[in-house]
PDB file of N, CA and C in Angstrom:
ATOM      1  N   MET A   1      35.467 -31.557 -49.397  1.00  0.00           N
ATOM      2  CA  MET A   1      35.356 -30.999 -49.551  1.00  0.00           C
ATOM      3  C   MET A   1      33.400 -30.247 -49.450  1.00  0.00           C
ATOM      4  N   GLN A   2      33.209 -31.116 -50.734  1.00  0.00           N
ATOM      5  CA  GLN A   2      31.381 -30.740 -51.051  1.00  0.00           C
ATOM      6  C   GLN A   2      30.569 -31.529 -49.467  1.00  0.00           C
ATOM      7  N   LYS A   3      31.538 -32.422 -48.031  1.00  0.00           N
ATOM      8  CA  LYS A   3      30.591 -32.343 -47.540  1.00  0.00           C
ATOM      9  C   LYS A   3      30.801 -30.980 -46.409  1.00  0.00           C
ATOM     10  N   GLU A   4      32.412 -30.579 -46.740  1.00  0.00           N
ATOM     11  CA  GLU A   4      32.760 -29.676 -45.714  1.00  0.00           C
ATOM     12  C   GLU A   4      32.021 -28.248 -45.680  1.00  0.00           C
ATOM     13  N   THR A   5      31.171 -28.441 -47.094  1.00  0.00           N
ATOM     14  CA  THR A   5      30.352 -27.138 -48.209  1.00  0.00           C
ATOM     15  C   THR A   5      28.510 -27.464 -47.173  1.00  0.00           C
ATOM     16  N   THR A   6      28.190 -28.745 -47.401  1.00  0.00           N
ATOM     17  CA  THR A   6      26.797 -29.007 -47.251  1.00  0.00           C
ATOM     18  C   THR A   6      27.007 -28.946 -45.453  1.00  0.00           C
ATOM     19  N   ASN A   7      28.197 -29.530 -44.901  1.00  0.00           N
ATOM     20  CA  ASN A   7      27.751 -28.894 -43.042  1.00  0.00           C
ATOM     21  C   ASN A   7      28.130 -27.801 -43.149  1.00  0.00           C
ATOM     22  N   GLN A   8      28.388 -26.461 -43.248  1.00  0.00           N
ATOM     23  CA  GLN A   8      28.436 -25.242 -43.510  1.00  0.00           C
ATOM     24  C   GLN A   8      27.304 -24.432 -43.826  1.00  0.00           C
ATOM     25  N   ILE A   9      26.491 -25.407 -45.018  1.00  0.00           N
ATOM     26  CA  ILE A   9      25.373 -24.095 -45.195  1.00  0.00           C
ATOM     27  C   ILE A   9      24.009 -25.690 -44.210  1.00  0.00           C
ATOM     28  N   LEU A  10      23.874 -26.812 -43.749  1.00  0.00           N
ATOM     29  CA  LEU A  10      23.431 -26.648 -42.545  1.00  0.00           C
ATOM     30  C   LEU A  10      23.601 -26.093 -41.401  1.00  0.00           C
ATOM     31  N   LEU A  11      24.750 -25.884 -40.546  1.00  0.00           N
ATOM     32  CA  LEU A  11      25.154 -24.668 -39.845  1.00  0.00           C
ATOM     33  C   LEU A  11      24.387 -23.476 -40.263  1.00  0.00           C
ATOM     34  N   ALA A  12      24.559 -22.877 -40.814  1.00  0.00           N
ATOM     35  CA  ALA A  12      23.712 -21.773 -41.635  1.00  0.00           C
ATOM     36  C   ALA A  12      22.262 -21.346 -42.399  1.00  0.00           C
ATOM     37  N   ILE A  13      21.841 -22.417 -41.731  1.00  0.00           N
ATOM     38  CA  ILE A  13      20.351 -22.869 -42.192  1.00  0.00           C
ATOM     39  C   ILE A  13      20.221 -23.303 -40.193  1.00  0.00           C
ATOM     40  N   ARG A  14      20.354 -24.247 -39.540  1.00  0.00           N
ATOM     41  CA  ARG A  14      20.421 -24.143 -38.302  1.00  0.00           C
ATOM     42  C   ARG A  14      19.928 -22.491 -37.593  1.00  0.00           C
ATOM     43  N   GLU A  15      21.774 -22.122 -38.358  1.00  0.00           N
ATOM     44  CA  GLU A  15      21.588 -20.300 -37.325  1.00  0.00           C
ATOM     45  C   GLU A  15      20.230 -19.388 -37.647  1.00  0.00           C
ATOM     46  N   LEU A  16      20.118 -20.046 -39.231  1.00  0.00           N
ATOM     47  CA  LEU A  16      19.008 -18.809 -39.649  1.00  0.00           C
ATOM     48  C   LEU A  16      17.210 -19.245 -39.322  1.00  0.00           C
ATOM     49  N   GLY A  17      17.233 -21.091 -38.472  1.00  0.00           N
ATOM     50  CA  GLY A  17      16.623 -21.620 -38.120  1.00  0.00           C
ATOM     51  C   GLY A  17      16.153 -20.628 -37.036  1.00  0.00           C
ATOM     52  N   GLU A  18      17.181 -21.157 -35.949  1.00  0.00           N
ATOM     53  CA  GLU A  18      17.500 -20.496 -34.430  1.00  0.00           C
ATOM     54  C   GLU A  18      17.190 -18.768 -34.465  1.00  0.00           C
ATOM     55  N   SER A  19      17.657 -18.110 -35.607  1.00  0.00           N
ATOM     56  CA  SER A  19      17.473 -17.158 -35.218  1.00  0.00           C
ATOM     57  C   SER A  19      15.820 -16.040 -35.663  1.00  0.00           C
ATOM     58  N   LEU A  20      15.381 -17.264 -36.253  1.00  0.00           N
ATOM     59  CA  LEU A  20      13.642 -16.615 -36.933  1.00  0.00           C
ATOM     60  C   LEU A  20      12.955 -17.503 -36.062  1.00  0.00           C
ATOM     61  N   ASN A  21      13.692 -17.662 -34.981  1.00  0.00           N
ATOM     62  CA  ASN A  21      12.979 -18.365 -33.505  1.00  0.00           C
ATOM     63  C   ASN A  21      12.372 -17.393 -32.841  1.00  0.00           C
ATOM     64  N   GLN A  22      14.297 -16.981 -32.376  1.00  0.00           N
ATOM     65  CA  GLN A  22      14.298 -15.590 -31.921  1.00  0.00           C
ATOM     66  C   GLN A  22      13.440 -14.756 -32.184  1.00  0.00           C
ATOM     67  N   THR A  23      13.021 -14.206 -33.404  1.00  0.00           N
ATOM     68  CA  THR A  23      12.861 -12.754 -34.246  1.00  0.00           C
ATOM     69  C   THR A  23      10.961 -13.504 -34.390  1.00  0.00           C
ATOM     70  N   ASN A  24      10.595 -15.113 -34.075  1.00  0.00           N
ATOM     71  CA  ASN A  24       9.472 -15.435 -33.025  1.00  0.00           C
ATOM     72  C   ASN A  24       9.159 -14.949 -32.398  1.00  0.00           C
ATOM     73  N   LYS A  25       9.499 -15.355 -31.492  1.00  0.00           N
ATOM     74  CA  LYS A  25       9.253 -15.391 -30.020  1.00  0.00           C
ATOM     75  C   LYS A  25       9.572 -13.536 -29.297  1.00  0.00           C
ATOM     76  N   ALA A  26      10.406 -12.812 -29.917  1.00  0.00           N
ATOM     77  CA  ALA A  26      10.283 -11.033 -30.158  1.00  0.00           C
ATOM     78  C   ALA A  26       8.908 -10.731 -29.856  1.00  0.00           C
ATOM     79  N   VAL A  27       9.123 -10.953 -31.490  1.00  0.00           N
ATOM     80  CA  VAL A  27       7.385 -10.666 -31.910  1.00  0.00           C
ATOM     81  C   VAL A  27       6.241 -10.905 -31.544  1.00  0.00           C
ATOM     82  N   GLU A  28       6.263 -12.118 -30.648  1.00  0.00           N
ATOM     83  CA  GLU A  28       4.777 -13.087 -29.671  1.00  0.00           C
ATOM     84  C   GLU A  28       4.826 -11.991 -28.521  1.00  0.00           C
ATOM     85  N   ASN A  29       6.404 -11.861 -28.577  1.00  0.00           N
ATOM     86  CA  ASN A  29       6.310 -10.696 -26.929  1.00  0.00           C
ATOM     87  C   ASN A  29       5.969  -9.385 -27.252  1.00  0.00           C
ATOM     88  N   LEU A  30       5.810  -8.455 -28.211  1.00  0.00           N
ATOM     89  CA  LEU A  30       5.676  -7.460 -28.380  1.00  0.00           C
ATOM     90  C   LEU A  30       4.320  -7.229 -28.782  1.00  0.00           C
ATOM     91  N   SER A  31       3.908  -7.749 -29.652  1.00  0.00           N
ATOM     92  CA  SER A  31       2.469  -8.819 -29.555  1.00  0.00           C
ATOM     93  C   SER A  31       1.599  -8.632 -28.320  1.00  0.00           C
ATOM     94  N   VAL A  32       2.003  -9.868 -27.328  1.00  0.00           N
ATOM     95  CA  VAL A  32       1.584  -9.401 -26.334  1.00  0.00           C
ATOM     96  C   VAL A  32       1.902  -7.956 -25.482  1.00  0.00           C
ATOM     97  N   GLN A  33       2.639  -7.535 -25.290  1.00  0.00           N
ATOM     98  CA  GLN A  33       3.044  -5.811 -24.639  1.00  0.00           C
ATOM     99  C   GLN A  33       1.828  -5.165 -25.590  1.00  0.00           C
ATOM    100  N   MET A  34       1.900  -5.566 -26.584  1.00  0.00           N
ATOM    101  CA  MET A  34       0.692  -4.416 -27.273  1.00  0.00           C
ATOM    102  C   MET A  34      -0.369  -4.688 -26.993  1.00  0.00           C
ATOM    103  N   GLN A  35      -0.728  -5.522 -26.849  1.00  0.00           N
ATOM    104  CA  GLN A  35      -2.417  -6.216 -26.292  1.00  0.00           C
ATOM    105  C   GLN A  35      -2.655  -5.510 -25.157  1.00  0.00           C
ATOM    106  N   GLU A  36      -1.137  -5.711 -24.115  1.00  0.00           N
ATOM    107  CA  GLU A  36      -1.787  -5.565 -22.300  1.00  0.00           C
ATOM    108  C   GLU A  36      -1.842  -4.062 -22.683  1.00  0.00           C
ATOM    109  N   MET A  37      -0.142  -2.636 -22.982  1.00  0.00           N
ATOM    110  CA  MET A  37      -1.233  -1.764 -23.225  1.00  0.00           C
ATOM    111  C   MET A  37      -2.645  -1.410 -23.848  1.00  0.00           C
ATOM    112  N   LYS A  38      -2.553  -1.983 -24.834  1.00  0.00           N
ATOM    113  CA  LYS A  38      -4.589  -2.048 -25.472  1.00  0.00           C
ATOM    114  C   LYS A  38      -4.766  -1.340 -24.213  1.00  0.00           C
ATOM    115  N   ASN A  39      -4.874  -2.896 -23.856  1.00  0.00           N
ATOM    116  CA  ASN A  39      -6.095  -2.950 -22.723  1.00  0.00           C
ATOM    117  C   ASN A  39      -6.041  -1.628 -21.091  1.00  0.00           C
ATOM    118  N   GLU A  40      -4.689  -1.611 -21.165  1.00  0.00           N
ATOM    119  CA  GLU A  40      -4.087  -0.307 -20.135  1.00  0.00           C
ATOM    120  C   GLU A  40      -5.104   0.805 -20.531  1.00  0.00           C
ATOM    121  N   LEU A  41      -4.864   1.344 -21.556  1.00  0.00           N
ATOM    122  CA  LEU A  41      -5.051   2.308 -22.360  1.00  0.00           C
ATOM    123  C   LEU A  41      -7.045   2.434 -22.415  1.00  0.00           C
ATOM    124  N   ARG A  42      -7.370   1.150 -23.167  1.00  0.00           N
ATOM    125  CA  ARG A  42      -8.758   0.831 -22.743  1.00  0.00           C
ATOM    126  C   ARG A  42      -9.700   1.204 -21.192  1.00  0.00           C
ATOM    127  N   GLN A  43      -9.093   0.573 -20.914  1.00  0.00           N
ATOM    128  CA  GLN A  43      -9.387   1.365 -19.489  1.00  0.00           C
ATOM    129  C   GLN A  43      -8.919   2.580 -18.583  1.00  0.00           C
ATOM    130  N   GLU A  44      -8.225   3.076 -19.399  1.00  0.00           N
ATOM    131  CA  GLU A  44      -7.579   4.477 -18.377  1.00  0.00           C
ATOM    132  C   GLU A  44      -8.913   5.065 -19.211  1.00  0.00           C
ATOM    133  N   MET A  45      -9.039   5.082 -20.750  1.00  0.00           N
ATOM    134  CA  MET A  45     -10.201   6.511 -20.854  1.00  0.00           C
ATOM    135  C   MET A  45     -10.655   5.935 -20.711  1.00  0.00           C
ATOM    136  N   GLN A  46     -11.717   4.725 -20.306  1.00  0.00           N
ATOM    137  CA  GLN A  46     -13.245   4.073 -19.574  1.00  0.00           C
ATOM    138  C   GLN A  46     -13.281   4.848 -18.435  1.00  0.00           C
ATOM    139  N   GLU A  47     -11.718   5.068 -17.675  1.00  0.00           N
ATOM    140  CA  GLU A  47     -12.448   5.441 -16.051  1.00  0.00           C
ATOM    141  C   GLU A  47     -11.910   7.398 -16.160  1.00  0.00           C
ATOM    142  N   MET A  48     -11.642   7.946 -17.227  1.00  0.00           N
ATOM    143  CA  MET A  48     -11.269   9.081 -17.865  1.00  0.00           C
ATOM    144  C   MET A  48     -13.035   9.767 -17.715  1.00  0.00           C
ATOM    145  N   LYS A  49     -13.179   8.671 -18.392  1.00  0.00           N
ATOM    146  CA  LYS A  49     -15.212   9.318 -19.063  1.00  0.00           C
ATOM    147  C   LYS A  49     -15.866   9.424 -18.466  1.00  0.00           C
ATOM    148  N   ASN A  50     -15.782   8.100 -16.930  1.00  0.00           N
ATOM    149  CA  ASN A  50     -16.374   8.300 -16.198  1.00  0.00           C
ATOM    150  C   ASN A  50     -16.583   9.615 -15.173  1.00  0.00           C
ATOM    151  N   GLU A  51     -14.973   9.441 -15.242  1.00  0.00           N
ATOM    152  CA  GLU A  51     -14.440  10.698 -14.449  1.00  0.00           C
ATOM    153  C   GLU A  51     -15.549  12.192 -14.894  1.00  0.00           C
ATOM    154  N   LEU A  52     -14.978  12.010 -15.992  1.00  0.00           N
ATOM    155  CA  LEU A  52     -15.583  12.630 -17.000  1.00  0.00           C
ATOM    156  C   LEU A  52     -17.290  13.214 -17.056  1.00  0.00           C
ATOM    157  N   ARG A  53     -18.376  12.573 -16.843  1.00  0.00           N
ATOM    158  CA  ARG A  53     -19.232  11.781 -16.432  1.00  0.00           C
ATOM    159  C   ARG A  53     -20.154  12.426 -14.985  1.00  0.00           C
ATOM    160  N   GLN A  54     -18.936  11.888 -14.408  1.00  0.00           N
ATOM    161  CA  GLN A  54     -19.665  12.343 -12.324  1.00  0.00           C
ATOM    162  C   GLN A  54     -19.234  13.615 -12.639  1.00  0.00           C
ATOM    163  N   GLY A  55     -17.639  14.111 -13.437  1.00  0.00           N
ATOM    164  CA  GLY A  55     -18.078  15.710 -13.315  1.00  0.00           C
ATOM    165  C   GLY A  55     -18.949  16.538 -13.586  1.00  0.00           C
ATOM    166  N   MET A  56     -19.364  16.998 -15.124  1.00  0.00           N
ATOM    167  CA  MET A  56     -20.504  16.686 -15.447  1.00  0.00           C
ATOM    168  C   MET A  56     -21.983  16.980 -14.354  1.00  0.00           C
ATOM    169  N   GLN A  57     -21.790  15.706 -13.958  1.00  0.00           N
ATOM    170  CA  GLN A  57     -22.771  15.320 -13.065  1.00  0.00           C
ATOM    171  C   GLN A  57     -23.427  16.880 -11.685  1.00  0.00           C
ATOM    172  N   GLU A  58     -21.581  16.322 -11.633  1.00  0.00           N
ATOM    173  CA  GLU A  58     -22.296  17.299 -10.345  1.00  0.00           C
ATOM    174  C   GLU A  58     -22.197  19.314 -10.627  1.00  0.00           C
ATOM    175  N   ILE A  59     -21.635  19.316 -11.995  1.00  0.00           N
ATOM    176  CA  ILE A  59     -22.028  20.613 -12.799  1.00  0.00           C
ATOM    177  C   ILE A  59     -22.826  21.055 -13.084  1.00  0.00           C
ATOM    178  N   LYS A  60     -23.435  19.861 -13.344  1.00  0.00           N
ATOM    179  CA  LYS A  60     -25.008  20.792 -13.570  1.00  0.00           C
ATOM    180  C   LYS A  60     -25.915  20.785 -11.962  1.00  0.00           C
ATOM    181  N   VAL A  61     -25.731  19.378 -11.526  1.00  0.00           N
ATOM    182  CA  VAL A  61     -26.147  20.141 -10.017  1.00  0.00           C
ATOM    183  C   VAL A  61     -26.322  21.340  -9.723  1.00  0.00           C
ATOM    184  N   GLU A  62     -24.754  21.603  -9.164  1.00  0.00           N
ATOM    185  CA  GLU A  62     -24.280  23.040  -9.084  1.00  0.00           C
ATOM    186  C   GLU A  62     -25.639  23.500  -9.744  1.00  0.00           C
ATOM    187  N   LEU A  63     -25.037  23.832 -11.264  1.00  0.00           N
ATOM    188  CA  LEU A  63     -26.162  24.807 -12.151  1.00  0.00           C
ATOM    189  C   LEU A  63     -27.581  24.968 -11.239  1.00  0.00           C
ATOM    190  N   LYS A  64     -27.827  24.124 -11.425  1.00  0.00           N
ATOM    191  CA  LYS A  64     -29.714  23.614 -10.837  1.00  0.00           C
ATOM    192  C   LYS A  64     -29.271  24.365  -9.785  1.00  0.00           C
ATOM    193  N   GLU A  65     -28.893  23.955  -8.510  1.00  0.00           N
ATOM    194  CA  GLU A  65     -28.495  25.136  -7.024  1.00  0.00           C
ATOM    195  C   GLU A  65     -28.967  26.620  -7.976  1.00  0.00           C
ATOM    196  N   ASP A  66     -27.629  27.183  -8.475  1.00  0.00           N
ATOM    197  CA  ASP A  66     -27.250  28.123  -8.597  1.00  0.00           C
ATOM    198  C   ASP A  66     -28.575  28.841  -9.495  1.00  0.00           C
ATOM    199  N   ILE A  67     -28.790  28.132 -10.582  1.00  0.00           N
ATOM    200  CA  ILE A  67     -30.324  28.516 -10.918  1.00  0.00           C
ATOM    201  C   ILE A  67     -31.630  28.950  -9.728  1.00  0.00           C
ATOM    202  N   LYS A  68     -31.686  28.143  -9.353  1.00  0.00           N
ATOM    203  CA  LYS A  68     -32.602  28.062  -7.988  1.00  0.00           C
ATOM    204  C   LYS A  68     -32.826  29.495  -7.043  1.00  0.00           C
ATOM    205  N   LYS A  69     -31.224  29.596  -7.060  1.00  0.00           N
ATOM    206  CA  LYS A  69     -30.968  30.478  -6.315  1.00  0.00           C
ATOM    207  C   LYS A  69     -31.090  32.494  -6.857  1.00  0.00           C
ATOM    208  N   VAL A  70     -31.118  31.740  -8.266  1.00  0.00           N
ATOM    209  CA  VAL A  70     -31.012  33.290  -8.165  1.00  0.00           C
ATOM    210  C   VAL A  70     -32.243  33.482  -9.218  1.00  0.00           C
ATOM    211  N   ASP A  71     -32.980  32.977  -9.359  1.00  0.00           N
ATOM    212  CA  ASP A  71     -34.951  32.650  -9.531  1.00  0.00           C
ATOM    213  C   ASP A  71     -35.206  33.325  -8.486  1.00  0.00           C
ATOM    214  N   SER A  72     -34.450  32.953  -6.865  1.00  0.00           N
ATOM    215  CA  SER A  72     -35.194  33.683  -6.041  1.00  0.00           C
ATOM    216  C   SER A  72     -35.043  34.110  -5.851  1.00  0.00           C
ATOM    217  N   LYS A  73     -34.025  35.362  -6.440  1.00  0.00           N
ATOM    218  CA  LYS A  73     -33.884  36.703  -6.133  1.00  0.00           C
ATOM    219  C   LYS A  73     -34.350  37.304  -7.043  1.00  0.00           C
ATOM    220  N   ILE A  74     -34.672  36.517  -7.756  1.00  0.00           N
ATOM    221  CA  ILE A  74     -35.075  37.746  -8.970  1.00  0.00           C
ATOM    222  C   ILE A  74     -36.752  37.465  -8.292  1.00  0.00           C
ATOM    223  N   THR A  75     -36.966  37.033  -7.660  1.00  0.00           N
ATOM    224  CA  THR A  75     -38.758  36.795  -7.412  1.00  0.00           C
ATOM    225  C   THR A  75     -38.504  37.673  -6.221  1.00  0.00           C
ATOM    226  N   ILE A  76     -37.543  38.035  -5.329  1.00  0.00           N
ATOM    227  CA  ILE A  76     -37.791  39.120  -4.804  1.00  0.00           C
ATOM    228  C   ILE A  76     -37.208  40.160  -4.738  1.00  0.00           C
ATOM    229  N   LEU A  77     -36.430  39.936  -5.719  1.00  0.00           N
ATOM    230  CA  LEU A  77     -36.601  41.860  -6.356  1.00  0.00           C
ATOM    231  C   LEU A  77     -38.014  42.171  -7.188  1.00  0.00           C
ATOM    232  N   SER A  78     -38.445  41.308  -7.851  1.00  0.00           N
ATOM    233  CA  SER A  78     -39.497  41.709  -8.486  1.00  0.00           C
ATOM    234  C   SER A  78     -40.509  41.772  -7.440  1.00  0.00           C
ATOM    235  N   ASN A  79     -40.712  41.540  -6.775  1.00  0.00           N
ATOM    236  CA  ASN A  79     -41.616  41.448  -5.171  1.00  0.00           C
ATOM    237  C   ASN A  79     -41.225  42.862  -4.299  1.00  0.00           C
ATOM    238  N   GLU A  80     -40.278  43.552  -4.797  1.00  0.00           N
ATOM    239  CA  GLU A  80     -40.052  44.179  -4.172  1.00  0.00           C
ATOM    240  C   GLU A  80     -40.025  46.420  -4.515  1.00  0.00           C
ATOM    241  N   LEU A  81     -39.466  45.438  -6.128  1.00  0.00           N
ATOM    242  CA  LEU A  81     -40.183  46.349  -7.329  1.00  0.00           C
ATOM    243  C   LEU A  81     -41.417  46.647  -6.802  1.00  0.00           C
ATOM    244  N   LEU A  82     -42.574  45.928  -6.960  1.00  0.00           N
ATOM    245  CA  LEU A  82     -43.765  45.737  -7.087  1.00  0.00           C
ATOM    246  C   LEU A  82     -44.241  46.632  -5.523  1.00  0.00           C
ATOM    247  N   GLU A  83     -43.301  46.223  -4.444  1.00  0.00           N
ATOM    248  CA  GLU A  83     -44.117  46.753  -3.605  1.00  0.00           C
ATOM    249  C   GLU A  83     -43.689  48.768  -3.490  1.00  0.00           C
ATOM    250  N   THR A  84     -42.525  48.684  -4.527  1.00  0.00           N
ATOM    251  CA  THR A  84     -41.617  50.305  -4.395  1.00  0.00           C
ATOM    252  C   THR A  84     -42.445  50.897  -5.277  1.00  0.00           C
ATOM    253  N   LYS A  85     -43.128  50.186  -6.331  1.00  0.00           N
ATOM    254  CA  LYS A  85     -43.526  51.080  -7.139  1.00  0.00           C
ATOM    255  C   LYS A  85     -45.870  51.418  -6.471  1.00  0.00           C
ATOM    256  N   ALA A  86     -45.823  50.413  -5.598  1.00  0.00           N
ATOM    257  CA  ALA A  86     -47.297  50.814  -4.725  1.00  0.00           C
ATOM    258  C   ALA A  86     -46.858  51.611  -3.830  1.00  0.00           C
ATOM    259  N   ASP A  87     -45.912  51.843  -3.122  1.00  0.00           N
ATOM    260  CA  ASP A  87     -45.739  52.908  -2.565  1.00  0.00           C
ATOM    261  C   ASP A  87     -45.583  54.691  -3.336  1.00  0.00           C
ATOM    262  N   VAL A  88     -45.269  54.164  -4.572  1.00  0.00           N
ATOM    263  CA  VAL A  88     -44.864  55.412  -5.240  1.00  0.00           C
ATOM    264  C   VAL A  88     -46.105  55.956  -5.432  1.00  0.00           C
ATOM    265  N   LEU A  89     -46.641  55.227  -5.766  1.00  0.00           N
ATOM    266  CA  LEU A  89     -48.469  55.579  -6.070  1.00  0.00           C
ATOM    267  C   LEU A  89     -49.059  56.155  -5.375  1.00  0.00           C
ATOM    268  N   LEU A  90     -48.834  55.611  -3.828  1.00  0.00           N
ATOM    269  CA  LEU A  90     -49.437  55.809  -2.130  1.00  0.00           C
ATOM    270  C   LEU A  90     -49.301  57.147  -2.104  1.00  0.00           C
ATOM    271  N   LEU A  91     -47.548  57.359  -2.468  1.00  0.00           N
ATOM    272  CA  LEU A  91     -47.041  59.119  -2.507  1.00  0.00           C
ATOM    273  C   LEU A  91     -47.774  60.011  -3.064  1.00  0.00           C
ATOM    274  N   LYS A  92     -47.556  60.037  -4.740  1.00  0.00           N
ATOM    275  CA  LYS A  92     -48.247  60.261  -5.774  1.00  0.00           C
ATOM    276  C   LYS A  92     -49.853  60.894  -5.538  1.00  0.00           C
ATOM    277  N   GLN A  93     -50.262  59.719  -4.644  1.00  0.00           N
ATOM    278  CA  GLN A  93     -52.039  60.067  -4.448  1.00  0.00           C
ATOM    279  C   GLN A  93     -52.159  60.953  -3.559  1.00  0.00           C
ATOM    280  N   ASN A  94     -50.809  61.070  -2.120  1.00  0.00           N
ATOM    281  CA  ASN A  94     -51.076  61.461  -0.937  1.00  0.00           C
ATOM    282  C   ASN A  94     -50.484  62.930  -0.993  1.00  0.00           C
ATOM    283  N   GLY A  95     -49.240  62.675  -1.995  1.00  0.00           N
ATOM    284  CA  GLY A  95     -48.806  64.356  -2.200  1.00  0.00           C
ATOM    285  C   GLY A  95     -49.460  65.219  -2.883  1.00  0.00           C
TER     286      GLY A  95
END
């Protein structure tokens, strides 16, 4: 009877050991998967940062171009306004 109990205890210990080994393997697999996910996330975030920077740079260039266009239109309007003032003064003097 004692031998039978000892065998049952040894069997239970062996089963627990196998279960523990399986659990350890599962934990290792999860750890590897988590690391892979972490690396993928890092890479995706870096790609997103790069895309955002590129987009911001493109917007910056477009804004500079738009500002130049507006500036040149303002210069033209300003010159036309000066010409109109000069014409009005001439009309007043001649009129």
